[in-house]
Amino acid sequence: MKNICILEDEKELNDILSFYLKENGYNVYSCLNLKEAYENIHNNINIWVIDLMLPDGSGFDLLKDIKTKLDTPVILISARSDSIDRVLGFEMGCDEYISKPFLPKELIYRIKNLSTKSINKEILVFKDFTIDIKKRTIKHNNEEVNTTSREYNLIMYFIENKGIALSREQIINQVWAENFIGNDRVVDNFIKKIRNKAPFLNIETIYGFGYRCNL
């Protein structure tokens, strides 16, 4: 399930957008000001929806922080028709820009589009780590991290399913597939190695079940 954070100070609009997103299967964090948004900045948000005009500052400030520290997809929304805001937003790294008024269905479409793009990016950046999908390499502070092919596949599986509880059986079926012979506890051994090589994944143990990536 994708975690969406909506930062919109118009409560009625915030409630409407939150309702439609929940109806479409998203987990929604609702914020009415920058202070509330910053309280959620490390809550494993997959996509941010940010209004530019806020009671305690500008949405541009949050956009800058998100793109600097997290590189999470951001959709900017604004009632201002000034094209300068749109240009500035894209220059600062926003992924989509929607002008008010708009239909909730448009926002859902943009979010689905970004969800697909985020998985298919050739370069992924997480804090001090960079993943080059085409080259199948992982670097930490520009130094390549030595991973086996299986470890790399496991890392990518967690990234594609961040925030989702994954059983050992699911992990084996997706990462080992029909080639697997042995005990499902082999996953635990790989997780230990992954935690050392890719700590940014923040892999949580779900006792008696499996693991969850809290990226």
N, C-alpha and C. Protein backbone atom coordinates (compact mmCIF):
# COMPACT_ATOMS: atom_id res chain seq x y z
N MET A 1 0.84 -1.20 0.00
CA MET A 1 0.00 0.00 0.00
C MET A 1 0.88 1.25 0.00
N LYS A 2 0.61 2.18 -0.89
CA LYS A 2 1.37 3.42 -0.98
C LYS A 2 0.94 4.39 0.11
N ASN A 3 1.93 5.06 0.69
CA ASN A 3 1.68 6.10 1.68
C ASN A 3 1.74 7.46 1.01
N ILE A 4 0.64 8.19 1.05
CA ILE A 4 0.56 9.52 0.44
C ILE A 4 0.40 10.56 1.54
N CYS A 5 1.20 11.62 1.48
CA CYS A 5 1.05 12.72 2.43
C CYS A 5 0.51 13.94 1.68
N ILE A 6 -0.64 14.42 2.13
CA ILE A 6 -1.26 15.60 1.53
C ILE A 6 -1.05 16.80 2.45
N LEU A 7 -0.41 17.83 1.93
CA LEU A 7 -0.24 19.08 2.66
C LEU A 7 -1.09 20.14 1.98
N GLU A 8 -2.25 20.38 2.55
CA GLU A 8 -3.23 21.32 1.99
C GLU A 8 -3.96 22.01 3.13
N ASP A 9 -3.85 23.34 3.21
CA ASP A 9 -4.43 24.05 4.36
C ASP A 9 -5.93 24.25 4.26
N GLU A 10 -6.52 24.07 3.07
CA GLU A 10 -7.98 24.15 2.94
C GLU A 10 -8.55 22.80 3.41
N LYS A 11 -9.10 22.79 4.60
CA LYS A 11 -9.51 21.51 5.21
C LYS A 11 -10.53 20.75 4.37
N GLU A 12 -11.48 21.46 3.79
CA GLU A 12 -12.50 20.79 2.99
C GLU A 12 -11.87 20.07 1.80
N LEU A 13 -10.97 20.75 1.10
CA LEU A 13 -10.29 20.12 -0.04
C LEU A 13 -9.41 18.98 0.44
N ASN A 14 -8.72 19.18 1.55
CA ASN A 14 -7.87 18.14 2.11
C ASN A 14 -8.70 16.89 2.41
N ASP A 15 -9.85 17.08 3.02
CA ASP A 15 -10.73 15.95 3.37
C ASP A 15 -11.22 15.22 2.12
N ILE A 16 -11.57 15.99 1.09
CA ILE A 16 -12.08 15.38 -0.15
C ILE A 16 -11.00 14.54 -0.82
N LEU A 17 -9.80 15.12 -0.94
CA LEU A 17 -8.70 14.40 -1.59
C LEU A 17 -8.32 13.16 -0.78
N SER A 18 -8.29 13.31 0.53
CA SER A 18 -7.96 12.17 1.39
C SER A 18 -8.98 11.05 1.23
N PHE A 19 -10.25 11.41 1.16
CA PHE A 19 -11.32 10.42 1.00
C PHE A 19 -11.14 9.63 -0.30
N TYR A 20 -10.92 10.34 -1.41
CA TYR A 20 -10.78 9.66 -2.70
C TYR A 20 -9.54 8.77 -2.74
N LEU A 21 -8.46 9.25 -2.14
CA LEU A 21 -7.24 8.44 -2.13
C LEU A 21 -7.43 7.17 -1.31
N LYS A 22 -8.09 7.29 -0.17
CA LYS A 22 -8.35 6.11 0.66
C LYS A 22 -9.26 5.13 -0.07
N GLU A 23 -10.24 5.67 -0.80
CA GLU A 23 -11.15 4.82 -1.57
C GLU A 23 -10.39 4.04 -2.65
N ASN A 24 -9.26 4.58 -3.09
CA ASN A 24 -8.45 3.93 -4.12
C ASN A 24 -7.30 3.11 -3.54
N GLY A 25 -7.38 2.87 -2.22
CA GLY A 25 -6.44 1.94 -1.61
C GLY A 25 -5.16 2.54 -1.06
N TYR A 26 -5.09 3.87 -0.97
CA TYR A 26 -3.87 4.50 -0.45
C TYR A 26 -3.99 4.77 1.05
N ASN A 27 -2.86 4.74 1.73
CA ASN A 27 -2.80 5.15 3.12
C ASN A 27 -2.44 6.63 3.13
N VAL A 28 -3.25 7.46 3.78
CA VAL A 28 -3.11 8.91 3.67
C VAL A 28 -2.71 9.57 4.98
N TYR A 29 -1.68 10.42 4.89
CA TYR A 29 -1.30 11.30 5.99
C TYR A 29 -1.78 12.70 5.61
N SER A 30 -2.63 13.28 6.43
CA SER A 30 -3.23 14.58 6.12
C SER A 30 -2.60 15.67 6.98
N CYS A 31 -2.10 16.73 6.33
CA CYS A 31 -1.47 17.85 7.03
C CYS A 31 -2.09 19.17 6.57
N LEU A 32 -2.27 20.08 7.53
CA LEU A 32 -2.86 21.38 7.23
C LEU A 32 -1.84 22.51 7.23
N ASN A 33 -0.61 22.21 7.66
CA ASN A 33 0.43 23.24 7.68
C ASN A 33 1.80 22.58 7.60
N LEU A 34 2.84 23.41 7.45
CA LEU A 34 4.20 22.89 7.32
C LEU A 34 4.65 22.13 8.55
N LYS A 35 4.28 22.63 9.71
CA LYS A 35 4.69 21.99 10.96
C LYS A 35 4.24 20.53 10.99
N GLU A 36 2.97 20.29 10.65
CA GLU A 36 2.45 18.92 10.64
C GLU A 36 3.16 18.08 9.58
N ALA A 37 3.47 18.71 8.43
CA ALA A 37 4.14 17.98 7.36
C ALA A 37 5.53 17.52 7.79
N TYR A 38 6.28 18.40 8.45
CA TYR A 38 7.62 18.02 8.90
C TYR A 38 7.59 16.93 9.96
N GLU A 39 6.49 16.84 10.69
CA GLU A 39 6.34 15.76 11.67
C GLU A 39 6.19 14.40 10.99
N ASN A 40 5.81 14.42 9.71
CA ASN A 40 5.59 13.18 8.96
C ASN A 40 6.69 12.90 7.93
N ILE A 41 7.74 13.73 7.92
CA ILE A 41 8.70 13.64 6.83
C ILE A 41 9.46 12.31 6.81
N HIS A 42 9.55 11.63 7.94
CA HIS A 42 10.26 10.34 7.97
C HIS A 42 9.30 9.16 8.16
N ASN A 43 8.04 9.35 7.80
CA ASN A 43 7.03 8.30 7.96
C ASN A 43 6.87 7.42 6.73
N ASN A 44 7.98 7.17 6.03
CA ASN A 44 7.93 6.28 4.87
C ASN A 44 6.88 6.73 3.85
N ILE A 45 6.89 8.04 3.55
CA ILE A 45 5.96 8.58 2.55
C ILE A 45 6.46 8.22 1.15
N ASN A 46 5.58 7.67 0.33
CA ASN A 46 5.94 7.29 -1.03
C ASN A 46 5.78 8.44 -2.02
N ILE A 47 4.74 9.26 -1.82
CA ILE A 47 4.49 10.42 -2.69
C ILE A 47 3.91 11.55 -1.85
N TRP A 48 4.42 12.76 -2.07
CA TRP A 48 3.93 13.96 -1.39
C TRP A 48 3.06 14.78 -2.33
N VAL A 49 1.96 15.31 -1.79
CA VAL A 49 1.11 16.25 -2.51
C VAL A 49 1.14 17.55 -1.70
N ILE A 50 1.74 18.60 -2.27
CA ILE A 50 2.05 19.80 -1.49
C ILE A 50 1.44 21.04 -2.12
N ASP A 51 0.66 21.77 -1.32
CA ASP A 51 0.15 23.07 -1.74
C ASP A 51 1.25 24.10 -1.54
N LEU A 52 1.35 25.07 -2.43
CA LEU A 52 2.42 26.07 -2.33
C LEU A 52 2.13 27.14 -1.29
N MET A 53 0.87 27.58 -1.20
CA MET A 53 0.53 28.67 -0.30
C MET A 53 0.00 28.10 1.01
N LEU A 54 0.80 28.27 2.08
CA LEU A 54 0.46 27.68 3.37
C LEU A 54 0.46 28.75 4.45
N PRO A 55 -0.24 28.52 5.56
CA PRO A 55 -0.34 29.55 6.60
C PRO A 55 0.97 29.82 7.33
N ASP A 56 1.89 28.84 7.31
CA ASP A 56 3.14 29.03 8.05
C ASP A 56 4.38 28.94 7.16
N GLY A 57 4.21 29.20 5.88
CA GLY A 57 5.37 29.20 4.99
C GLY A 57 5.01 28.82 3.57
N SER A 58 6.02 28.40 2.81
CA SER A 58 5.83 28.05 1.40
C SER A 58 6.09 26.57 1.18
N GLY A 59 5.28 25.97 0.31
CA GLY A 59 5.49 24.57 -0.04
C GLY A 59 6.83 24.34 -0.72
N PHE A 60 7.41 25.39 -1.30
CA PHE A 60 8.71 25.27 -1.93
C PHE A 60 9.79 24.85 -0.91
N ASP A 61 9.65 25.32 0.33
CA ASP A 61 10.63 24.98 1.37
C ASP A 61 10.63 23.49 1.65
N LEU A 62 9.43 22.92 1.75
CA LEU A 62 9.33 21.49 2.00
C LEU A 62 9.82 20.70 0.79
N LEU A 63 9.46 21.16 -0.41
CA LEU A 63 9.92 20.50 -1.63
C LEU A 63 11.44 20.41 -1.66
N LYS A 64 12.09 21.51 -1.34
CA LYS A 64 13.56 21.55 -1.34
C LYS A 64 14.13 20.53 -0.35
N ASP A 65 13.56 20.47 0.85
CA ASP A 65 14.06 19.54 1.86
C ASP A 65 13.84 18.08 1.45
N ILE A 66 12.68 17.80 0.88
CA ILE A 66 12.37 16.43 0.46
C ILE A 66 13.33 15.98 -0.64
N LYS A 67 13.56 16.84 -1.61
CA LYS A 67 14.42 16.47 -2.73
C LYS A 67 15.89 16.41 -2.33
N THR A 68 16.27 17.17 -1.32
CA THR A 68 17.65 17.15 -0.85
C THR A 68 17.93 15.93 0.00
N LYS A 69 16.99 15.57 0.87
CA LYS A 69 17.24 14.51 1.84
C LYS A 69 16.66 13.15 1.45
N LEU A 70 15.53 13.14 0.73
CA LEU A 70 14.82 11.88 0.50
C LEU A 70 14.66 11.52 -0.97
N ASP A 71 14.56 12.52 -1.84
CA ASP A 71 14.30 12.31 -3.26
C ASP A 71 13.02 11.50 -3.50
N THR A 72 11.98 11.82 -2.71
CA THR A 72 10.67 11.19 -2.88
C THR A 72 9.86 11.99 -3.90
N PRO A 73 9.05 11.33 -4.74
CA PRO A 73 8.24 12.05 -5.71
C PRO A 73 7.32 13.08 -5.05
N VAL A 74 7.20 14.25 -5.68
CA VAL A 74 6.39 15.34 -5.14
C VAL A 74 5.47 15.90 -6.23
N ILE A 75 4.19 16.06 -5.86
CA ILE A 75 3.22 16.73 -6.72
C ILE A 75 2.89 18.06 -6.08
N LEU A 76 3.12 19.15 -6.79
CA LEU A 76 2.76 20.47 -6.29
C LEU A 76 1.37 20.84 -6.78
N ILE A 77 0.57 21.45 -5.90
CA ILE A 77 -0.74 21.97 -6.30
C ILE A 77 -0.81 23.44 -5.90
N SER A 78 -1.46 24.24 -6.72
CA SER A 78 -1.52 25.67 -6.42
C SER A 78 -2.69 26.33 -7.13
N ALA A 79 -3.27 27.32 -6.44
CA ALA A 79 -4.35 28.11 -7.03
C ALA A 79 -3.79 29.28 -7.83
N ARG A 80 -2.49 29.52 -7.69
CA ARG A 80 -1.86 30.63 -8.40
C ARG A 80 -1.61 30.24 -9.84
N SER A 81 -2.00 31.11 -10.75
CA SER A 81 -1.87 30.82 -12.18
C SER A 81 -0.53 31.27 -12.74
N ASP A 82 0.33 31.83 -11.89
CA ASP A 82 1.61 32.34 -12.34
C ASP A 82 2.49 31.19 -12.85
N SER A 83 2.87 31.26 -14.12
CA SER A 83 3.68 30.20 -14.71
C SER A 83 5.07 30.12 -14.08
N ILE A 84 5.50 31.21 -13.44
CA ILE A 84 6.81 31.21 -12.78
C ILE A 84 6.85 30.15 -11.68
N ASP A 85 5.74 30.00 -10.95
CA ASP A 85 5.68 28.98 -9.90
C ASP A 85 5.87 27.58 -10.48
N ARG A 86 5.23 27.35 -11.61
CA ARG A 86 5.34 26.04 -12.26
C ARG A 86 6.79 25.76 -12.67
N VAL A 87 7.41 26.76 -13.31
CA VAL A 87 8.79 26.61 -13.77
C VAL A 87 9.73 26.40 -12.58
N LEU A 88 9.54 27.22 -11.54
CA LEU A 88 10.39 27.11 -10.35
C LEU A 88 10.22 25.74 -9.69
N GLY A 89 8.97 25.27 -9.64
CA GLY A 89 8.71 23.96 -9.05
C GLY A 89 9.47 22.85 -9.74
N PHE A 90 9.44 22.84 -11.07
CA PHE A 90 10.16 21.81 -11.82
C PHE A 90 11.67 21.98 -11.70
N GLU A 91 12.13 23.22 -11.64
CA GLU A 91 13.56 23.46 -11.46
C GLU A 91 14.05 22.94 -10.11
N MET A 92 13.16 22.99 -9.11
CA MET A 92 13.53 22.52 -7.77
C MET A 92 13.33 21.01 -7.62
N GLY A 93 12.78 20.37 -8.65
CA GLY A 93 12.70 18.91 -8.63
C GLY A 93 11.32 18.30 -8.47
N CYS A 94 10.26 19.12 -8.50
CA CYS A 94 8.92 18.52 -8.38
C CYS A 94 8.66 17.61 -9.58
N ASP A 95 7.84 16.59 -9.39
CA ASP A 95 7.60 15.60 -10.43
C ASP A 95 6.32 15.87 -11.21
N GLU A 96 5.36 16.54 -10.58
CA GLU A 96 4.11 16.92 -11.23
C GLU A 96 3.65 18.26 -10.66
N TYR A 97 2.87 19.00 -11.46
CA TYR A 97 2.32 20.28 -11.00
C TYR A 97 0.86 20.34 -11.46
N ILE A 98 -0.05 20.55 -10.52
CA ILE A 98 -1.47 20.61 -10.84
C ILE A 98 -2.03 21.96 -10.41
N SER A 99 -2.71 22.62 -11.32
CA SER A 99 -3.32 23.91 -11.00
C SER A 99 -4.74 23.71 -10.50
N LYS A 100 -5.11 24.43 -9.46
CA LYS A 100 -6.48 24.39 -8.95
C LYS A 100 -7.37 25.26 -9.85
N PRO A 101 -8.65 24.89 -9.96
CA PRO A 101 -9.29 23.68 -9.41
C PRO A 101 -8.99 22.45 -10.26
N PHE A 102 -9.07 21.29 -9.65
CA PHE A 102 -8.85 20.05 -10.38
C PHE A 102 -9.72 18.96 -9.76
N LEU A 103 -9.97 17.92 -10.52
CA LEU A 103 -10.77 16.80 -10.04
C LEU A 103 -9.89 15.82 -9.26
N PRO A 104 -10.43 15.21 -8.20
CA PRO A 104 -9.65 14.20 -7.47
C PRO A 104 -9.13 13.09 -8.37
N LYS A 105 -9.89 12.76 -9.42
CA LYS A 105 -9.46 11.70 -10.33
C LYS A 105 -8.15 12.06 -11.04
N GLU A 106 -7.95 13.36 -11.28
CA GLU A 106 -6.70 13.77 -11.92
C GLU A 106 -5.52 13.52 -10.99
N LEU A 107 -5.71 13.84 -9.71
CA LEU A 107 -4.64 13.61 -8.74
C LEU A 107 -4.31 12.12 -8.65
N ILE A 108 -5.34 11.29 -8.61
CA ILE A 108 -5.13 9.84 -8.54
C ILE A 108 -4.38 9.35 -9.77
N TYR A 109 -4.74 9.89 -10.94
CA TYR A 109 -4.04 9.51 -12.18
C TYR A 109 -2.57 9.89 -12.09
N ARG A 110 -2.28 11.11 -11.62
CA ARG A 110 -0.89 11.57 -11.52
C ARG A 110 -0.10 10.70 -10.54
N ILE A 111 -0.74 10.32 -9.44
CA ILE A 111 -0.07 9.49 -8.44
C ILE A 111 0.25 8.10 -9.01
N LYS A 112 -0.71 7.52 -9.72
CA LYS A 112 -0.47 6.20 -10.33
C LYS A 112 0.65 6.28 -11.35
N ASN A 113 0.68 7.38 -12.10
CA ASN A 113 1.72 7.58 -13.10
C ASN A 113 3.09 7.68 -12.45
N LEU A 114 3.17 8.41 -11.34
CA LEU A 114 4.44 8.55 -10.62
C LEU A 114 4.86 7.24 -9.98
N SER A 115 3.90 6.46 -9.51
CA SER A 115 4.22 5.17 -8.89
C SER A 115 4.91 4.26 -9.90
N THR A 116 4.44 4.29 -11.14
CA THR A 116 5.05 3.48 -12.20
C THR A 116 6.44 4.00 -12.54
N LYS A 117 6.56 5.32 -12.64
CA LYS A 117 7.85 5.92 -12.99
C LYS A 117 8.90 5.64 -11.93
N SER A 118 8.50 5.68 -10.64
CA SER A 118 9.47 5.53 -9.56
C SER A 118 10.12 4.15 -9.57
N ILE A 119 9.36 3.15 -10.05
CA ILE A 119 9.91 1.80 -10.12
C ILE A 119 10.82 1.66 -11.33
N ASN A 120 10.51 2.40 -12.41
CA ASN A 120 11.26 2.26 -13.66
C ASN A 120 12.38 3.27 -13.83
N LYS A 121 12.67 4.07 -12.82
CA LYS A 121 13.79 4.99 -12.91
C LYS A 121 15.08 4.22 -13.11
N GLU A 122 15.99 4.78 -13.89
CA GLU A 122 17.28 4.12 -14.07
C GLU A 122 18.22 4.42 -12.92
N ILE A 123 18.06 5.59 -12.28
CA ILE A 123 18.90 5.96 -11.16
C ILE A 123 18.01 6.25 -9.94
N LEU A 124 18.28 5.58 -8.83
CA LEU A 124 17.55 5.81 -7.59
C LEU A 124 18.53 6.33 -6.55
N VAL A 125 18.12 7.36 -5.81
CA VAL A 125 18.99 7.95 -4.80
C VAL A 125 18.30 7.88 -3.44
N PHE A 126 18.99 7.32 -2.46
CA PHE A 126 18.48 7.22 -1.09
C PHE A 126 19.58 7.68 -0.15
N LYS A 127 19.41 8.89 0.39
CA LYS A 127 20.40 9.44 1.32
C LYS A 127 21.77 9.43 0.63
N ASP A 128 22.75 8.66 1.17
CA ASP A 128 24.10 8.65 0.58
C ASP A 128 24.30 7.49 -0.40
N PHE A 129 23.21 6.78 -0.72
CA PHE A 129 23.30 5.62 -1.61
C PHE A 129 22.70 5.93 -2.98
N THR A 130 23.33 5.42 -4.02
CA THR A 130 22.83 5.58 -5.39
C THR A 130 22.75 4.21 -6.05
N ILE A 131 21.58 3.91 -6.62
CA ILE A 131 21.39 2.63 -7.31
C ILE A 131 21.22 2.90 -8.80
N ASP A 132 22.08 2.29 -9.59
CA ASP A 132 21.98 2.39 -11.05
C ASP A 132 21.33 1.09 -11.53
N ILE A 133 20.06 1.19 -11.88
CA ILE A 133 19.30 -0.01 -12.25
C ILE A 133 19.84 -0.65 -13.52
N LYS A 134 20.21 0.17 -14.48
CA LYS A 134 20.70 -0.36 -15.75
C LYS A 134 22.01 -1.11 -15.56
N LYS A 135 22.91 -0.56 -14.72
CA LYS A 135 24.21 -1.20 -14.48
C LYS A 135 24.15 -2.22 -13.34
N ARG A 136 23.04 -2.21 -12.58
CA ARG A 136 22.87 -3.08 -11.42
C ARG A 136 23.99 -2.86 -10.40
N THR A 137 24.22 -1.59 -10.11
CA THR A 137 25.26 -1.25 -9.13
C THR A 137 24.66 -0.40 -8.01
N ILE A 138 25.28 -0.50 -6.84
CA ILE A 138 24.90 0.31 -5.69
C ILE A 138 26.16 1.02 -5.18
N LYS A 139 26.06 2.32 -4.98
CA LYS A 139 27.20 3.08 -4.49
C LYS A 139 26.83 3.82 -3.21
N HIS A 140 27.80 3.89 -2.31
CA HIS A 140 27.63 4.66 -1.08
C HIS A 140 28.72 5.73 -1.07
N ASN A 141 28.28 7.00 -1.10
CA ASN A 141 29.23 8.12 -1.20
C ASN A 141 30.20 7.90 -2.35
N ASN A 142 29.63 7.46 -3.50
CA ASN A 142 30.38 7.23 -4.75
C ASN A 142 31.31 6.03 -4.71
N GLU A 143 31.31 5.28 -3.60
CA GLU A 143 32.09 4.05 -3.53
C GLU A 143 31.15 2.86 -3.75
N GLU A 144 31.51 2.00 -4.72
CA GLU A 144 30.63 0.88 -5.06
C GLU A 144 30.52 -0.12 -3.92
N VAL A 145 29.28 -0.54 -3.63
CA VAL A 145 29.01 -1.54 -2.60
C VAL A 145 29.03 -2.91 -3.27
N ASN A 146 29.80 -3.82 -2.72
CA ASN A 146 29.94 -5.14 -3.30
C ASN A 146 28.73 -6.00 -2.94
N THR A 147 27.88 -6.30 -3.92
CA THR A 147 26.71 -7.15 -3.70
C THR A 147 26.69 -8.28 -4.72
N THR A 148 26.19 -9.42 -4.28
CA THR A 148 25.97 -10.52 -5.23
C THR A 148 24.70 -10.22 -6.01
N SER A 149 24.49 -10.97 -7.08
CA SER A 149 23.29 -10.77 -7.90
C SER A 149 22.03 -11.01 -7.09
N ARG A 150 22.05 -12.01 -6.22
CA ARG A 150 20.89 -12.32 -5.37
C ARG A 150 20.63 -11.19 -4.37
N GLU A 151 21.70 -10.68 -3.78
CA GLU A 151 21.55 -9.58 -2.82
C GLU A 151 20.97 -8.35 -3.51
N TYR A 152 21.45 -8.07 -4.71
CA TYR A 152 20.93 -6.92 -5.45
C TYR A 152 19.44 -7.10 -5.75
N ASN A 153 19.06 -8.29 -6.21
CA ASN A 153 17.65 -8.56 -6.51
C ASN A 153 16.78 -8.41 -5.27
N LEU A 154 17.31 -8.85 -4.13
CA LEU A 154 16.56 -8.75 -2.88
C LEU A 154 16.39 -7.29 -2.47
N ILE A 155 17.44 -6.49 -2.65
CA ILE A 155 17.37 -5.07 -2.34
C ILE A 155 16.31 -4.39 -3.20
N MET A 156 16.29 -4.70 -4.49
CA MET A 156 15.32 -4.08 -5.40
C MET A 156 13.90 -4.53 -5.07
N TYR A 157 13.75 -5.78 -4.63
CA TYR A 157 12.41 -6.27 -4.27
C TYR A 157 11.88 -5.51 -3.06
N PHE A 158 12.74 -5.23 -2.09
CA PHE A 158 12.33 -4.45 -0.93
C PHE A 158 11.97 -3.02 -1.34
N ILE A 159 12.76 -2.43 -2.22
CA ILE A 159 12.49 -1.05 -2.66
C ILE A 159 11.14 -0.97 -3.37
N GLU A 160 10.86 -1.93 -4.23
CA GLU A 160 9.61 -1.93 -4.98
C GLU A 160 8.40 -2.20 -4.09
N ASN A 161 8.65 -2.75 -2.90
CA ASN A 161 7.55 -3.08 -1.98
C ASN A 161 7.75 -2.42 -0.61
N LYS A 162 8.34 -1.23 -0.61
CA LYS A 162 8.62 -0.56 0.65
C LYS A 162 7.32 -0.28 1.40
N GLY A 163 7.39 -0.49 2.72
CA GLY A 163 6.22 -0.27 3.56
C GLY A 163 5.27 -1.46 3.63
N ILE A 164 5.55 -2.50 2.85
CA ILE A 164 4.67 -3.67 2.79
C ILE A 164 5.30 -4.84 3.56
N ALA A 165 4.51 -5.50 4.39
CA ALA A 165 5.00 -6.67 5.12
C ALA A 165 5.14 -7.84 4.15
N LEU A 166 6.34 -8.40 4.07
CA LEU A 166 6.62 -9.50 3.14
C LEU A 166 6.99 -10.75 3.91
N SER A 167 6.29 -11.83 3.62
CA SER A 167 6.61 -13.10 4.28
C SER A 167 7.86 -13.70 3.65
N ARG A 168 8.51 -14.61 4.37
CA ARG A 168 9.67 -15.29 3.82
C ARG A 168 9.30 -16.04 2.54
N GLU A 169 8.11 -16.62 2.54
CA GLU A 169 7.65 -17.35 1.35
C GLU A 169 7.52 -16.43 0.14
N GLN A 170 6.96 -15.23 0.36
CA GLN A 170 6.83 -14.27 -0.74
C GLN A 170 8.20 -13.88 -1.28
N ILE A 171 9.12 -13.62 -0.37
CA ILE A 171 10.47 -13.21 -0.78
C ILE A 171 11.15 -14.30 -1.59
N ILE A 172 11.03 -15.53 -1.13
CA ILE A 172 11.64 -16.64 -1.86
C ILE A 172 11.02 -16.81 -3.24
N ASN A 173 9.69 -16.73 -3.30
CA ASN A 173 9.01 -16.90 -4.59
C ASN A 173 9.41 -15.85 -5.61
N GLN A 174 9.69 -14.62 -5.13
CA GLN A 174 10.01 -13.53 -6.04
C GLN A 174 11.50 -13.44 -6.35
N VAL A 175 12.35 -13.73 -5.36
CA VAL A 175 13.79 -13.53 -5.55
C VAL A 175 14.52 -14.83 -5.93
N TRP A 176 14.06 -15.98 -5.39
CA TRP A 176 14.69 -17.25 -5.72
C TRP A 176 13.90 -18.00 -6.79
N ALA A 177 12.59 -17.83 -6.78
CA ALA A 177 11.67 -18.47 -7.73
C ALA A 177 11.86 -19.99 -7.72
N GLU A 178 11.81 -20.60 -8.94
CA GLU A 178 11.81 -22.07 -9.00
C GLU A 178 13.20 -22.65 -8.71
N ASN A 179 14.21 -21.80 -8.61
CA ASN A 179 15.56 -22.31 -8.37
C ASN A 179 15.82 -22.64 -6.91
N PHE A 180 14.87 -22.32 -6.04
CA PHE A 180 15.13 -22.47 -4.60
C PHE A 180 15.00 -23.91 -4.15
N ILE A 181 16.03 -24.35 -3.40
CA ILE A 181 15.99 -25.65 -2.75
C ILE A 181 16.54 -25.44 -1.34
N GLY A 182 15.73 -25.75 -0.33
CA GLY A 182 16.22 -25.60 1.03
C GLY A 182 15.20 -24.98 1.95
N ASN A 183 15.69 -24.48 3.10
CA ASN A 183 14.85 -23.92 4.15
C ASN A 183 14.63 -22.43 3.91
N ASP A 184 13.41 -21.94 4.25
CA ASP A 184 13.14 -20.53 4.02
C ASP A 184 13.94 -19.61 4.95
N ARG A 185 14.64 -20.18 5.92
CA ARG A 185 15.47 -19.38 6.82
C ARG A 185 16.70 -18.83 6.11
N VAL A 186 16.94 -19.27 4.88
CA VAL A 186 18.04 -18.70 4.11
C VAL A 186 17.83 -17.20 3.92
N VAL A 187 16.54 -16.79 3.93
CA VAL A 187 16.23 -15.37 3.80
C VAL A 187 16.85 -14.57 4.94
N ASP A 188 16.81 -15.14 6.15
CA ASP A 188 17.35 -14.44 7.32
C ASP A 188 18.83 -14.14 7.16
N ASN A 189 19.56 -15.09 6.59
CA ASN A 189 21.00 -14.90 6.40
C ASN A 189 21.27 -13.78 5.40
N PHE A 190 20.45 -13.73 4.37
CA PHE A 190 20.62 -12.66 3.37
C PHE A 190 20.25 -11.30 3.96
N ILE A 191 19.24 -11.28 4.81
CA ILE A 191 18.82 -10.03 5.42
C ILE A 191 19.95 -9.45 6.28
N LYS A 192 20.67 -10.30 6.99
CA LYS A 192 21.79 -9.82 7.81
C LYS A 192 22.82 -9.12 6.94
N LYS A 193 23.12 -9.71 5.79
CA LYS A 193 24.11 -9.11 4.89
C LYS A 193 23.58 -7.80 4.29
N ILE A 194 22.30 -7.80 3.92
CA ILE A 194 21.69 -6.61 3.31
C ILE A 194 21.69 -5.45 4.30
N ARG A 195 21.41 -5.75 5.57
CA ARG A 195 21.38 -4.68 6.58
C ARG A 195 22.73 -3.99 6.70
N ASN A 196 23.80 -4.75 6.52
CA ASN A 196 25.13 -4.15 6.58
C ASN A 196 25.47 -3.38 5.32
N LYS A 197 25.06 -3.91 4.17
CA LYS A 197 25.43 -3.31 2.90
C LYS A 197 24.50 -2.17 2.48
N ALA A 198 23.22 -2.25 2.87
CA ALA A 198 22.24 -1.24 2.47
C ALA A 198 21.38 -0.84 3.67
N PRO A 199 21.99 -0.18 4.67
CA PRO A 199 21.23 0.19 5.88
C PRO A 199 20.10 1.17 5.63
N PHE A 200 20.15 1.87 4.48
CA PHE A 200 19.08 2.84 4.16
C PHE A 200 17.73 2.17 4.00
N LEU A 201 17.71 0.86 3.76
CA LEU A 201 16.44 0.15 3.59
C LEU A 201 15.65 0.09 4.90
N ASN A 202 16.36 0.15 6.02
CA ASN A 202 15.71 0.10 7.33
C ASN A 202 14.76 -1.10 7.42
N ILE A 203 15.33 -2.28 7.27
CA ILE A 203 14.52 -3.50 7.23
C ILE A 203 14.11 -3.91 8.64
N GLU A 204 12.82 -4.01 8.84
CA GLU A 204 12.25 -4.37 10.14
C GLU A 204 11.86 -5.85 10.16
N THR A 205 12.20 -6.53 11.23
CA THR A 205 11.80 -7.93 11.39
C THR A 205 10.38 -8.01 11.91
N ILE A 206 9.54 -8.77 11.25
CA ILE A 206 8.18 -9.04 11.72
C ILE A 206 8.17 -10.48 12.22
N TYR A 207 8.32 -10.64 13.51
CA TYR A 207 8.52 -11.96 14.09
C TYR A 207 7.37 -12.93 13.78
N GLY A 208 7.76 -14.11 13.35
CA GLY A 208 6.80 -15.13 12.99
C GLY A 208 6.21 -14.95 11.60
N PHE A 209 6.69 -13.95 10.87
CA PHE A 209 6.14 -13.71 9.52
C PHE A 209 7.24 -13.46 8.50
N GLY A 210 7.94 -12.33 8.64
CA GLY A 210 8.94 -11.97 7.65
C GLY A 210 9.57 -10.63 7.90
N TYR A 211 9.54 -9.74 6.89
CA TYR A 211 10.23 -8.47 6.99
C TYR A 211 9.45 -7.34 6.30
N ARG A 212 9.80 -6.12 6.70
CA ARG A 212 9.21 -4.93 6.04
C ARG A 212 10.31 -3.90 5.86
N CYS A 213 10.37 -3.32 4.66
CA CYS A 213 11.32 -2.26 4.36
C CYS A 213 10.67 -0.92 4.70
N ASN A 214 11.25 -0.21 5.67
CA ASN A 214 10.71 1.09 6.09
C ASN A 214 11.52 2.24 5.49
N LEU A 215 11.79 2.13 4.22
CA LEU A 215 12.58 3.12 3.50
C LEU A 215 11.93 4.50 3.57
